[in-house]
């Protein structure tokens, strides 16, 4: 609807806001989000916080009810200093993947900023959280807030019982291993719960069927001997599930010296790492979805006359800052802005669906000219992660617009070479290489537990399968390995091997601190 079609009066005037203004704007945004964009969201819980509370939320990795740890205080002090000095600004919003979805808005925001935040977070991010398959597979939005409340209480109780130093020693080590504390293949949550209940029921039935008190009087193998034999059978490599890529899970289950409360601390950190695993794989899509949603909603409100021209200019200024992409030759360049790339791809898909070129029809015959971009986008938001989304939808036009190219940077070669430019095979190569940068299998080091001697010297062996000659940084590796040894309780060895040749490259050893 163009400017001539405006029929409604503005929702607010000026920059000041009241709770009534926020409610009125939220209702108008919801009408567009539900009725025109077809969004499906969790119930929203809007909370107004101060800048200091926003900094505190940053410091505790964006979760409410977070347990205490010294690293959060350190991060808070750093973020606060940078904010007060004007070196960096605060994020406009913070939203929690939970049901209800908790959306924080700052009291310092202008009314236009509040409208932008509500459209971006309360509807854009919220829809993505609820519908993307990774979040459905890995997170339980209905219970995450209750679990974090439990974690906070449990850790506080452990600090009272065992002392702050003992608790922080375990948490320090577990935090250092969070990237190696996720399972990448998720079984169905419903099936997993059924399996646990079924196994427990069968175990009880077997114990009841085989119980006979007369066995105590029969001479032969002692109960202690039977337990040792059973333990020996359980602790072979097959029973331990070796190789195991989830290092925190292995330590939680099998570290010889850990007490039950220490294992629970590791489990809390591991579950927190697993909660953020989908977010690490969908940064471009998540931010692109939220940015596209807020752009569509704010423009549609303006077209209806519900936002003034002054407010629209303020919005466009903030929106432009969000999607700004510095050139690679600029000093402030630090890689691709996920907001910029995600939003550009969403808008490009919209154009392919509505006004396709001959090139679009050749590259995207399934969606070109369908005239239903919102259905295409909702499907993409549900079924893809960053890597697969880029492989599927990054177009030659966008590669040209963003001036992308590919280079070869071989450490054995004194020169860098441009290997892919703007032609058909170049578009394919650029798309493949960019997608690979968002694949966590290539970003994170492939470290697995490959041996664990629980009968003799108790040594734990880890193997890093190095790809493309990318080895671990020596100092960082030694520091992290000491954390592993601290949890394991005995000597830990890490071996780096080349994936292609299986040749051993480096070896590291660590002992627990006395």
Protein backbone atom coordinates (compact mmCIF):
# COMPACT_ATOMS: atom_id res chain seq x y z
CA UNK A 1 0.00 0.00 0.00
CA UNK A 2 1.52 3.31 -0.97
CA UNK A 3 1.51 6.57 0.91
CA UNK A 4 -1.82 7.54 -0.62
CA UNK A 5 -3.41 4.50 0.96
CA UNK A 6 -2.71 5.51 4.56
CA UNK A 7 -5.88 5.46 6.61
CA UNK A 8 -4.95 4.92 10.27
CA UNK A 9 -3.59 7.44 12.73
CA UNK A 10 -0.07 7.10 14.17
CA UNK A 11 0.37 4.72 17.08
CA UNK A 12 2.58 7.20 18.93
CA UNK A 13 4.15 10.63 18.60
CA UNK A 14 7.68 11.59 19.60
CA UNK A 15 10.40 9.54 21.28
CA UNK A 16 8.99 9.16 24.80
CA UNK A 17 7.03 6.05 25.61
CA UNK A 18 4.60 4.67 28.15
CA UNK A 19 3.48 1.12 28.85
CA UNK A 20 0.22 1.93 27.08
CA UNK A 21 2.21 2.96 23.99
CA UNK A 22 4.18 -0.30 24.11
CA UNK A 23 0.99 -2.35 24.39
CA UNK A 24 -0.64 -0.48 21.52
CA UNK A 25 2.40 -0.92 19.28
CA UNK A 26 2.72 -4.59 20.23
CA UNK A 27 -0.91 -5.21 19.25
CA UNK A 28 -0.39 -3.52 15.88
CA UNK A 29 2.80 -5.51 15.26
CA UNK A 30 1.00 -8.73 16.21
CA UNK A 31 -1.76 -7.97 13.73
CA UNK A 32 0.79 -7.70 10.92
CA UNK A 33 2.93 -10.59 12.15
CA UNK A 34 0.07 -13.05 12.50
CA UNK A 35 -2.28 -11.86 9.80
CA UNK A 36 0.04 -10.73 7.01
CA UNK A 37 3.33 -12.57 7.56
CA UNK A 38 1.88 -15.81 8.91
CA UNK A 39 4.25 -15.97 11.89
CA UNK A 40 3.87 -18.68 14.52
CA UNK A 41 5.37 -17.67 17.87
CA UNK A 42 5.50 -18.58 21.55
CA UNK A 43 3.61 -16.37 23.96
CA UNK A 44 5.73 -13.29 24.67
CA UNK A 45 6.76 -12.04 28.10
CA UNK A 46 8.03 -8.47 27.69
CA UNK A 47 10.33 -7.15 30.43
CA UNK A 48 11.71 -3.62 30.69
CA UNK A 49 15.28 -3.47 32.03
CA UNK A 50 18.02 -0.89 32.55
CA UNK A 51 21.29 -0.65 30.63
CA UNK A 52 23.12 -2.16 33.61
CA UNK A 53 20.73 -5.11 33.67
CA UNK A 54 21.31 -5.58 29.94
CA UNK A 55 25.06 -5.66 30.59
CA UNK A 56 24.49 -8.22 33.33
CA UNK A 57 22.47 -10.36 30.91
CA UNK A 58 25.35 -10.13 28.40
CA UNK A 59 27.83 -11.19 31.03
CA UNK A 60 25.86 -14.30 31.97
CA UNK A 61 25.72 -15.47 28.31
CA UNK A 62 22.18 -14.23 27.78
CA UNK A 63 20.27 -16.51 30.13
CA UNK A 64 18.12 -15.36 33.06
CA UNK A 65 18.51 -17.04 36.45
CA UNK A 66 22.11 -17.90 35.57
CA UNK A 67 24.33 -19.42 38.26
CA UNK A 68 27.23 -17.43 39.69
CA UNK A 69 30.73 -17.67 38.28
CA UNK A 70 33.69 -15.29 38.45
CA UNK A 71 34.03 -15.17 34.65
CA UNK A 72 30.60 -13.53 34.36
CA UNK A 73 31.73 -10.73 36.68
CA UNK A 74 34.92 -10.28 34.70
CA UNK A 75 32.97 -10.02 31.47
CA UNK A 76 30.50 -7.59 33.04
CA UNK A 77 33.33 -5.27 34.11
CA UNK A 78 34.81 -5.33 30.60
CA UNK A 79 31.50 -4.72 28.82
CA UNK A 80 30.56 -1.94 31.21
CA UNK A 81 33.89 -0.16 30.73
CA UNK A 82 33.58 -0.29 26.94
CA UNK A 83 29.98 0.93 27.12
CA UNK A 84 30.74 3.82 29.49
CA UNK A 85 33.72 4.90 27.38
CA UNK A 86 31.60 4.89 24.25
CA UNK A 87 33.75 2.25 22.53
CA UNK A 88 30.76 -0.01 21.91
CA UNK A 89 27.01 0.25 22.22
CA UNK A 90 24.58 -2.15 23.81
CA UNK A 91 22.43 -4.48 21.77
CA UNK A 92 18.94 -3.19 21.19
CA UNK A 93 17.33 -6.29 22.63
CA UNK A 94 17.76 -9.69 24.19
CA UNK A 95 15.35 -12.58 23.72
CA UNK A 96 15.31 -16.00 25.37
CA UNK A 97 14.38 -19.20 23.57
CA UNK A 98 11.78 -20.32 26.08
CA UNK A 99 8.03 -20.76 26.37
CA UNK A 100 6.88 -18.12 27.15
CA UNK A 101 9.59 -16.30 25.23
CA UNK A 102 11.24 -13.67 27.43
CA UNK A 103 11.99 -10.47 25.50
CA UNK A 104 13.97 -7.71 27.22
CA UNK A 105 13.61 -4.08 26.13
CA UNK A 106 15.66 -1.27 27.65
CA UNK A 107 13.97 1.64 29.36
CA UNK A 108 16.47 4.02 27.69
CA UNK A 109 15.13 3.13 24.22
CA UNK A 110 12.99 5.54 22.23
CA UNK A 111 9.49 4.48 21.30
CA UNK A 112 10.60 3.76 17.73
CA UNK A 113 13.39 1.62 19.12
CA UNK A 114 10.89 -0.27 21.26
CA UNK A 115 8.77 -0.93 18.16
CA UNK A 116 11.83 -2.17 16.27
CA UNK A 117 12.83 -4.45 19.15
CA UNK A 118 9.35 -5.93 19.49
CA UNK A 119 9.16 -6.67 15.77
CA UNK A 120 12.73 -8.01 15.62
CA UNK A 121 12.89 -10.10 18.79
CA UNK A 122 9.37 -10.78 20.01
CA UNK A 123 8.23 -11.84 16.54
CA UNK A 124 11.25 -12.49 14.28
CA UNK A 125 13.51 -14.39 16.66
CA UNK A 126 10.53 -15.92 18.44
CA UNK A 127 9.16 -17.40 15.21
CA UNK A 128 12.57 -18.79 14.32
CA UNK A 129 13.07 -20.35 17.76
CA UNK A 130 9.70 -22.06 17.66
CA UNK A 131 9.84 -23.38 14.10
CA UNK A 132 13.44 -24.15 13.13
CA UNK A 133 14.14 -27.89 13.23
CA UNK A 134 17.41 -27.54 15.16
CA UNK A 135 15.72 -25.76 18.06
CA UNK A 136 12.86 -28.27 18.03
CA UNK A 137 15.39 -31.09 18.10
CA UNK A 138 17.83 -29.78 20.70
CA UNK A 139 15.99 -27.44 23.08
CA UNK A 140 12.93 -27.80 25.24
CA UNK A 141 11.51 -24.29 25.43
CA UNK A 142 8.90 -25.34 27.99
CA UNK A 143 11.45 -26.33 30.65
CA UNK A 144 14.60 -24.28 30.07
CA UNK A 145 13.74 -21.56 32.59
CA UNK A 146 12.86 -24.11 35.27
CA UNK A 147 16.10 -25.96 34.58
CA UNK A 148 18.22 -22.82 34.92
CA UNK A 149 16.46 -22.00 38.19
CA UNK A 150 17.32 -25.51 39.42
CA UNK A 151 20.94 -25.11 38.25
CA UNK A 152 21.30 -21.83 40.10
CA UNK A 153 19.92 -23.34 43.33
CA UNK A 154 22.02 -26.49 43.03
CA UNK A 155 25.29 -24.63 42.46
CA UNK A 156 24.57 -22.20 45.31
CA UNK A 157 23.91 -25.19 47.57
CA UNK A 158 27.17 -26.83 46.46
CA UNK A 159 29.06 -23.62 47.32
CA UNK A 160 27.60 -23.77 50.83
CA UNK A 161 28.36 -27.46 51.29
CA UNK A 162 31.74 -27.86 49.58
CA UNK A 163 33.16 -24.36 49.38
CA UNK A 164 33.41 -21.77 46.63
CA UNK A 165 36.89 -22.86 45.49
CA UNK A 166 35.89 -26.50 45.03
CA UNK A 167 32.85 -25.54 42.95
CA UNK A 168 34.74 -23.03 40.81
CA UNK A 169 37.49 -25.55 40.09
CA UNK A 170 34.96 -27.85 38.45
CA UNK A 171 33.11 -25.04 36.69
CA UNK A 172 36.34 -23.52 35.36
CA UNK A 173 37.33 -26.82 33.81
CA UNK A 174 33.85 -27.51 32.43
CA UNK A 175 33.56 -24.02 30.91
CA UNK A 176 36.90 -24.49 29.17
CA UNK A 177 35.48 -27.62 27.49
CA UNK A 178 32.02 -26.32 26.50
CA UNK A 179 32.79 -26.42 22.77
CA UNK A 180 33.64 -30.11 23.23
CA UNK A 181 30.59 -30.80 25.35
CA UNK A 182 27.87 -31.13 22.73
CA UNK A 183 26.38 -34.17 21.04
CA UNK A 184 25.87 -33.58 17.33
CA UNK A 185 23.34 -36.33 16.67
CA UNK A 186 20.10 -35.93 18.58
CA UNK A 187 17.64 -38.78 19.07
CA UNK A 188 13.97 -37.95 19.33
CA UNK A 189 13.25 -36.50 22.76
CA UNK A 190 10.05 -38.53 23.03
CA UNK A 191 11.81 -41.72 22.00
CA UNK A 192 14.65 -41.02 24.41
CA UNK A 193 12.24 -40.67 27.34
CA UNK A 194 10.42 -43.88 26.37
CA UNK A 195 13.73 -45.77 26.13
CA UNK A 196 14.81 -44.67 29.59
CA UNK A 197 11.49 -45.72 31.14
CA UNK A 198 11.49 -49.05 29.28
CA UNK A 199 15.04 -49.90 30.38
CA UNK A 200 14.24 -49.03 34.00
CA UNK A 201 11.10 -51.21 33.92
CA UNK A 202 12.98 -54.19 32.41
CA UNK A 203 15.75 -53.83 34.98
CA UNK A 204 13.23 -53.91 37.87
CA UNK A 205 11.41 -56.89 36.38
CA UNK A 206 14.68 -58.81 35.95
CA UNK A 207 15.81 -58.10 39.52
CA UNK A 208 12.44 -59.19 40.91
CA UNK A 209 12.38 -62.37 38.80
CA UNK A 210 15.92 -63.46 39.72
CA UNK A 211 15.93 -62.51 43.41
CA UNK A 212 16.33 -65.39 45.83
CA UNK A 213 17.58 -64.88 49.36
CA UNK A 214 19.05 -68.43 49.44
CA UNK A 215 21.84 -67.36 47.07
CA UNK A 216 23.50 -65.63 50.04
CA UNK A 217 24.19 -69.04 51.64
CA UNK A 218 25.68 -70.71 48.56
CA UNK A 219 29.49 -70.85 48.68
CA UNK A 220 31.38 -69.62 45.66
CA UNK A 221 32.19 -66.27 44.19
CA UNK A 222 31.77 -63.44 46.68
CA UNK A 223 29.59 -60.43 46.07
CA UNK A 224 32.72 -58.28 45.90
CA UNK A 225 34.23 -60.61 43.31
CA UNK A 226 31.09 -60.54 41.23
CA UNK A 227 31.07 -56.74 41.36
CA UNK A 228 34.69 -56.56 40.23
CA UNK A 229 34.00 -58.94 37.39
CA UNK A 230 30.94 -56.96 36.33
CA UNK A 231 32.89 -53.69 36.50
CA UNK A 232 35.66 -55.16 34.37
CA UNK A 233 33.14 -56.19 31.75
CA UNK A 234 31.45 -52.79 31.79
CA UNK A 235 34.60 -50.75 31.46
CA UNK A 236 35.93 -52.01 28.18
CA UNK A 237 36.06 -49.71 25.21
CA UNK A 238 32.76 -50.83 23.73
CA UNK A 239 30.89 -50.31 26.98
CA UNK A 240 32.43 -46.86 27.34
CA UNK A 241 31.18 -45.88 23.91
CA UNK A 242 34.66 -45.05 22.66
CA UNK A 243 35.30 -43.16 20.46
CA UNK A 244 33.20 -40.41 22.07
CA UNK A 245 33.09 -36.86 20.71
CA UNK A 246 31.25 -35.37 23.69
CA UNK A 247 34.13 -34.94 26.11
CA UNK A 248 32.06 -33.46 28.95
CA UNK A 249 29.57 -36.33 28.72
CA UNK A 250 32.38 -38.89 28.95
CA UNK A 251 33.96 -37.15 31.94
CA UNK A 252 30.59 -36.83 33.65
CA UNK A 253 29.96 -40.55 33.33
CA UNK A 254 33.37 -42.15 33.79
CA UNK A 255 35.86 -39.80 35.50
CA UNK A 256 37.14 -42.04 38.34
CA UNK A 257 37.50 -39.49 41.15
CA UNK A 258 34.48 -37.24 40.67
CA UNK A 259 31.78 -37.19 43.32
CA UNK A 260 28.11 -37.11 42.41
CA UNK A 261 27.74 -33.36 42.95
CA UNK A 262 30.75 -32.70 40.70
CA UNK A 263 29.24 -34.85 37.95
CA UNK A 264 26.03 -32.83 38.24
CA UNK A 265 27.98 -29.59 37.83
CA UNK A 266 29.48 -30.93 34.61
CA UNK A 267 26.02 -31.99 33.47
CA UNK A 268 24.68 -28.47 34.04
CA UNK A 269 27.47 -26.93 31.95
CA UNK A 270 27.00 -29.60 29.27
CA UNK A 271 23.27 -28.92 29.04
CA UNK A 272 23.95 -25.19 28.79
CA UNK A 273 26.40 -25.81 25.93
CA UNK A 274 23.83 -28.02 24.21
CA UNK A 275 21.19 -25.28 24.58
CA UNK A 276 23.36 -22.87 22.58
CA UNK A 277 24.36 -25.45 19.95
CA UNK A 278 21.48 -24.61 17.55
CA UNK A 279 22.17 -20.88 17.90
CA UNK A 280 25.78 -21.36 16.83
CA UNK A 281 24.57 -23.10 13.66
CA UNK A 282 21.90 -20.57 12.72
CA UNK A 283 23.39 -17.12 13.39
CA UNK A 284 22.94 -15.89 9.81
CA UNK A 285 19.46 -17.36 9.42
CA UNK A 286 18.24 -16.32 12.86
CA UNK A 287 19.38 -12.71 12.54
CA UNK A 288 18.36 -12.58 8.89
CA UNK A 289 14.86 -13.81 9.77
CA UNK A 290 14.46 -11.30 12.61
CA UNK A 291 15.82 -8.41 10.50
CA UNK A 292 13.57 -9.28 7.56
CA UNK A 293 10.55 -9.51 9.87
CA UNK A 294 11.18 -6.16 11.55
CA UNK A 295 11.78 -4.52 8.15
CA UNK A 296 8.53 -5.86 6.74
CA UNK A 297 6.47 -5.03 9.82
CA UNK A 298 7.77 -1.48 10.21
CA UNK A 299 7.26 -0.72 6.51
CA UNK A 300 3.74 -2.12 6.56
CA UNK A 301 2.87 -0.06 9.64
CA UNK A 302 4.22 3.02 7.88
CA UNK A 303 2.22 2.27 4.74
CA UNK A 304 -0.93 2.14 6.88
CA UNK A 305 -0.14 5.48 8.50
CA UNK A 306 0.54 3.96 11.94
CA UNK A 307 4.13 5.24 12.01
CA UNK A 308 5.05 8.85 11.27
CA UNK A 309 7.65 9.91 8.74
CA UNK A 310 9.97 11.06 11.52
CA UNK A 311 9.73 7.68 13.25
CA UNK A 312 10.31 5.92 9.93
CA UNK A 313 13.47 7.94 9.32
CA UNK A 314 14.69 7.01 12.80
CA UNK A 315 13.93 3.35 12.09
CA UNK A 316 15.76 3.38 8.75
CA UNK A 317 18.81 4.93 10.40
CA UNK A 318 18.91 2.13 13.02
CA UNK A 319 18.16 -0.55 10.43
CA UNK A 320 20.98 0.66 8.19
CA UNK A 321 23.40 0.51 11.10
CA UNK A 322 22.35 -3.06 11.85
CA UNK A 323 22.94 -4.35 8.31
CA UNK A 324 26.06 -2.28 7.57
CA UNK A 325 28.78 -4.37 5.91
CA UNK A 326 32.29 -2.84 5.90
CA UNK A 327 34.41 -3.60 2.86
CA UNK A 328 37.27 -6.05 3.22
CA UNK A 329 39.76 -3.23 2.65
CA UNK A 330 38.41 -1.19 5.60
CA UNK A 331 40.10 -1.33 8.99
CA UNK A 332 36.81 -2.09 10.75
CA UNK A 333 36.20 -5.18 8.60
CA UNK A 334 35.93 -8.32 10.76
CA UNK A 335 34.21 -10.73 8.40
CA UNK A 336 30.68 -10.94 7.09
CA UNK A 337 28.02 -9.28 9.22
CA UNK A 338 25.43 -12.04 9.87
CA UNK A 339 22.65 -9.43 9.92
CA UNK A 340 23.76 -8.08 6.53
CA UNK A 341 24.20 -11.47 4.87
CA UNK A 342 21.02 -12.95 6.32
CA UNK A 343 18.85 -9.96 5.46
CA UNK A 344 20.31 -9.68 1.95
CA UNK A 345 19.55 -13.36 1.30
CA UNK A 346 15.97 -13.02 2.60
CA UNK A 347 15.33 -10.01 0.38
CA UNK A 348 16.96 -11.78 -2.57
CA UNK A 349 14.65 -14.77 -2.12
CA UNK A 350 11.74 -12.34 -2.06
CA UNK A 351 12.84 -10.88 -5.39
CA UNK A 352 13.41 -14.32 -6.95
CA UNK A 353 9.85 -15.30 -6.01
CA UNK A 354 8.21 -12.06 -7.13
CA UNK A 355 10.31 -10.69 -10.01
CA UNK A 356 12.72 -13.38 -11.23
CA UNK A 357 15.30 -12.76 -13.92
CA UNK A 358 16.35 -15.34 -16.49
CA UNK A 359 19.35 -16.11 -14.29
CA UNK A 360 17.07 -16.66 -11.28
CA UNK A 361 14.91 -19.08 -13.26
CA UNK A 362 18.01 -21.03 -14.26
CA UNK A 363 19.49 -21.25 -10.77
CA UNK A 364 16.26 -21.50 -8.71
CA UNK A 365 13.55 -23.08 -10.89
CA UNK A 366 11.61 -24.37 -7.86
CA UNK A 367 10.90 -20.94 -6.37
CA UNK A 368 11.40 -18.44 -9.23
CA UNK A 369 8.15 -16.66 -10.03
CA UNK A 370 6.05 -18.46 -7.42
CA UNK A 371 4.82 -15.04 -6.17
CA UNK A 372 4.73 -16.43 -2.62
CA UNK A 373 7.98 -15.33 -0.97
CA UNK A 374 6.63 -15.57 2.58
CA UNK A 375 5.79 -19.26 2.19
CA UNK A 376 9.25 -19.90 0.73
CA UNK A 377 10.92 -18.01 3.57
CA UNK A 378 8.89 -19.72 6.30
CA UNK A 379 9.86 -23.07 4.81
CA UNK A 380 13.55 -22.08 4.73
CA UNK A 381 13.43 -20.78 8.31
CA UNK A 382 12.05 -24.15 9.41
CA UNK A 383 14.19 -26.57 7.43
CA UNK A 384 17.71 -25.15 7.10
CA UNK A 385 20.76 -24.11 9.10
CA UNK A 386 23.34 -21.56 7.94
CA UNK A 387 25.49 -23.99 5.95
CA UNK A 388 22.65 -25.62 4.04
CA UNK A 389 20.77 -22.32 3.63
CA UNK A 390 23.77 -20.72 1.91
CA UNK A 391 24.31 -23.78 -0.28
CA UNK A 392 20.66 -23.71 -1.33
CA UNK A 393 19.87 -20.02 -1.72
CA UNK A 394 22.99 -17.86 -2.22
CA UNK A 395 22.47 -16.43 -5.71
CA UNK A 396 24.95 -15.20 -8.32
CA UNK A 397 23.33 -11.75 -8.12
CA UNK A 398 24.01 -11.53 -4.39
CA UNK A 399 27.58 -12.76 -4.84
CA UNK A 400 28.11 -9.91 -7.30
CA UNK A 401 26.36 -7.33 -5.10
CA UNK A 402 28.45 -8.30 -2.06
CA UNK A 403 31.59 -8.42 -4.22
CA UNK A 404 32.55 -11.90 -3.04
CA UNK A 405 35.49 -13.85 -4.36
CA UNK A 406 37.59 -16.77 -3.21
CA UNK A 407 41.33 -16.91 -2.56
CA UNK A 408 43.80 -19.72 -1.90
CA UNK A 409 46.03 -19.05 1.11
CA UNK A 410 48.38 -22.03 1.31
CA UNK A 411 51.00 -21.73 4.05
CA UNK A 412 53.55 -23.43 1.78
CA UNK A 413 53.07 -20.84 -0.96
CA UNK A 414 54.50 -17.30 -0.68
CA UNK A 415 51.61 -15.86 -2.71
CA UNK A 416 47.82 -15.81 -2.41
CA UNK A 417 45.78 -16.61 -5.51
CA UNK A 418 42.24 -15.63 -6.48
CA UNK A 419 40.62 -18.97 -7.27
CA UNK A 420 36.97 -18.06 -7.90
CA UNK A 421 35.47 -15.01 -9.58
CA UNK A 422 32.11 -13.98 -11.04
CA UNK A 423 31.39 -16.72 -13.53
CA UNK A 424 29.34 -19.90 -13.31
CA UNK A 425 31.93 -22.24 -11.80
CA UNK A 426 33.16 -19.34 -9.64
CA UNK A 427 29.69 -18.80 -8.16
CA UNK A 428 29.51 -22.48 -7.22
CA UNK A 429 32.97 -22.44 -5.65
CA UNK A 430 32.30 -19.25 -3.69
CA UNK A 431 29.00 -20.58 -2.41
CA UNK A 432 30.59 -23.88 -1.34
CA UNK A 433 33.47 -22.21 0.47
CA UNK A 434 31.26 -19.68 2.23
CA UNK A 435 28.88 -22.41 3.37
CA UNK A 436 31.81 -24.38 4.75
CA UNK A 437 32.76 -21.44 6.97
CA UNK A 438 29.41 -21.86 8.75
CA UNK A 439 29.74 -25.62 9.20
CA UNK A 440 30.65 -26.34 12.82
CA UNK A 441 32.22 -29.62 11.76
CA UNK A 442 34.91 -27.52 10.06
CA UNK A 443 34.99 -24.68 12.59
CA UNK A 444 35.45 -26.69 15.77
CA UNK A 445 38.38 -29.07 16.24
CA UNK A 446 37.45 -32.74 15.95
CA UNK A 447 38.60 -34.07 19.35
CA UNK A 448 37.43 -37.47 20.54
CA UNK A 449 38.05 -39.77 23.47
CA UNK A 450 39.80 -42.73 21.87
CA UNK A 451 41.06 -44.72 24.87
CA UNK A 452 40.52 -44.84 28.61
CA UNK A 453 42.38 -47.25 30.90
CA UNK A 454 40.25 -47.68 34.01
CA UNK A 455 41.93 -50.87 35.25
CA UNK A 456 45.58 -49.88 35.33
CA UNK A 457 47.22 -46.48 35.11
CA UNK A 458 43.87 -44.71 34.45
CA UNK A 459 45.29 -42.75 31.54
CA UNK A 460 42.83 -40.99 29.24
CA UNK A 461 43.73 -40.61 25.56
CA UNK A 462 42.22 -37.96 23.28
CA UNK A 463 42.74 -37.71 19.54
CA UNK A 464 42.51 -34.55 17.47
CA UNK A 465 41.81 -35.35 13.84
CA UNK A 466 43.44 -32.40 12.07
CA UNK A 467 41.94 -31.26 8.76
CA UNK A 468 43.75 -29.23 6.11
CA UNK A 469 46.84 -29.02 8.29
CA UNK A 470 45.05 -26.98 10.97
CA UNK A 471 46.71 -27.89 14.26
CA UNK A 472 45.79 -26.81 17.76
CA UNK A 473 47.51 -23.76 19.19
CA UNK A 474 50.14 -25.16 21.54
CA UNK A 475 49.70 -22.91 24.57
CA UNK A 476 45.91 -23.00 24.42
CA UNK A 477 45.98 -26.77 23.98
CA UNK A 478 48.16 -27.25 27.06
CA UNK A 479 45.90 -25.01 29.16
CA UNK A 480 42.75 -26.84 28.09
CA UNK A 481 44.34 -30.24 28.55
CA UNK A 482 45.13 -29.37 32.16
CA UNK A 483 41.41 -28.75 32.71
CA UNK A 484 40.64 -32.19 31.28
CA UNK A 485 43.21 -33.76 33.61
CA UNK A 486 41.72 -31.88 36.55
CA UNK A 487 38.33 -33.47 35.94
CA UNK A 488 39.67 -36.89 34.96
CA UNK A 489 41.98 -37.06 37.99
CA UNK A 490 44.88 -38.81 36.20
CA UNK A 491 47.24 -38.31 33.27
CA UNK A 492 45.67 -37.22 29.99
CA UNK A 493 47.36 -37.50 26.60
CA UNK A 494 46.23 -35.77 23.39
CA UNK A 495 47.46 -37.00 20.01
CA UNK A 496 47.08 -34.97 16.83
CA UNK A 497 46.77 -37.03 13.67
CA UNK A 498 46.31 -36.05 10.05
CA UNK A 499 42.86 -37.05 8.80
CA UNK A 500 44.05 -38.03 5.32
CA UNK A 501 47.23 -39.95 6.17
CA UNK A 502 46.48 -40.98 9.78
CA UNK A 503 50.03 -39.84 10.57
CA UNK A 504 50.76 -38.69 14.11
CA UNK A 505 51.67 -34.98 14.18
CA UNK A 506 51.92 -33.86 17.82
CA UNK A 507 51.48 -35.24 21.31
CA UNK A 508 50.58 -33.41 24.51
CA UNK A 509 50.43 -34.67 28.11
CA UNK A 510 48.89 -33.16 31.22
CA UNK A 511 48.56 -34.13 34.87
CA UNK A 512 45.95 -32.85 37.35
CA UNK A 513 46.99 -30.04 39.65
CA UNK A 514 47.89 -31.21 43.17
